[in-house]
Amino acid sequence: MPLDLFNTLTRRKEHFEPLVAGKVGLYVCGPTVYDYAHIGNARPVVVFDVLYRLLKHLYPEVRYVRNITDVDDKIIDRARLSGEPIDSVTTRTTDAYHQDMAALNALPPDIEPRATRHIAQMVRMIGKLIDQGNAYEADGHVLFSVPSMADYGMLSRRSRDELIAGARVEVAPYKRDPADFVLWKPSVDDCPGWPSPWGRGRPGWHIECSAMAAEHLGETFDIHGGGLDLIFPHHENEIAQSVCSHGGAPLARYWVHNGFLTVEGEKMSKSLGNFFTVRDLLGEFPGEAIRLTLLGAHYRQPLDFTRDLLRQSKGNLDRWYNALRCADEAPSKADVPFEVLAALEDDLNTPMAIGHVHALATALNKATDPAEKARLKGGLLAAGCLLGILQQDPVAWFQGEAGDAATDDAAMIEDLIERRKEARKSKNFAEADRIRKELTDMGIVLEDGPGGTTWKRA
């Protein structure tokens, strides 16, 4: 089956065909590094990680670019409030972002450009826009002239009044048109800044992605991804800058956006007490359970993220890992099962793919023929690899801590199990029962079998 993706630009599902046969360019907007990533930030990372895995499965060459925004007013404000140097803020939060996304089994992008290392490319692009009449200098700023682009608004399809209102910015006196947006802004001495033809300053947010995408994927590439909240103004402005500076060449041929995320039925808010960072949740749940929860709804649909869903995801993973653990046979080398691949090729239908994974695990539990069990086990692992799940050793999964960051006390548990074994051997059943209760109180479940005693966390 061909890969179909819903293209926000055309508002319809389309067959995907790379610009260059066998090669795919994918750009996804990355984090602004001033704080820990929250669960809403994690949804696009996981969604586009599945798309990246699928593209790598289907095409011989994929270049995935996801940027780091390391110059921004939010970063400057955070550094001022905390007294921490800006470089320290961005380094610390970038490292935390990498750790948290890795805990969600997200593959790193092929290229992770940083805005501060692409200032020269931004300055060149801005200069070209000025020369062509698409931008102008005013009061130390450089602004893009929205009226200079006849079809501005093609992605969001908003009216002019909606575009101005939706920008949510103060109409500065130096703007020629209320909809014009900043490409370059002046920097005072205590702010990061770089020399430019328009004075010492720093780039606007939108020009950063345009310059980095062009540098690493060319003027036109295949897929641009991000959350629905980025359609306007960020992606709309990316298109305007890039199309005008590249002689009318389109920026991306397919625009893919994931839906909004709420928590317990409400928009995330610290005042409501439902604002969760990925790091918070990793203290309570395995990263794989968080990932599966994020994939439980179709990527274009809203997702209400709850602890009940996290517990359900953990339970599903327990059942699937148990099926793998109980099948002693070595897995056969297997292709991704047709049903799983077909679901993902149909606009990343992860709920349907997850349903097929469940069916595979059920069939594996029921199978008795060794060859059939090996085949099903191989298929289950192949499906899991494409979804970014079921890649741990099953024993390690069950013996892992409830939170990925917790300390491993497996040695102590094994010691208690050995002491219980000795107590049973000497017929000291009261001591054996006491040790079992001690382990139960620790959240450890013992399973006595012909091969001895195994354990897992409840």
Foldseek 3Di string as FASTA:
>chain_A
DFFWAQFLLVRGIDGADWPDHQEAEEEEEADAQQDFAFLQNLLQLLLVLLVVLLSVVVGVYYAYEYEYELADVSLVVSCVVVVPDSVVRRVVRVVNRVVLNVLLLRDDGPYYYYLVVQVVLLLVLLVLCVVLVQWDDFPLWIKGDVVVDPPQCSSVVDDPVCQLVVVPDDQDPRDPDSNIDTQWHADDPSGDWDQHPSGTTDGDPQSSSLSVCCVPPNLEGEEYEEAPVCSPPRVSVSQVSSCSSVVNDGHYPGYHHFYGEPEPPHRDDVVVVRIGGSQNVLQAARSNLSSVQSLQAQRNDYHHDYVVSSVVSLVLLLLQLVLLVVLPAAADQDAADPQLSVCCSHNHNSNSNVVVLSVLSVVLVVDDDNVVNNDSSNNSVNSCVSSSDPPDNSLCSFQADRHNPDDRPVVVVVVLQVVLVVCVVVVVVVSNVVSCVVCVVVQKDWDQDPVGIGIGGD
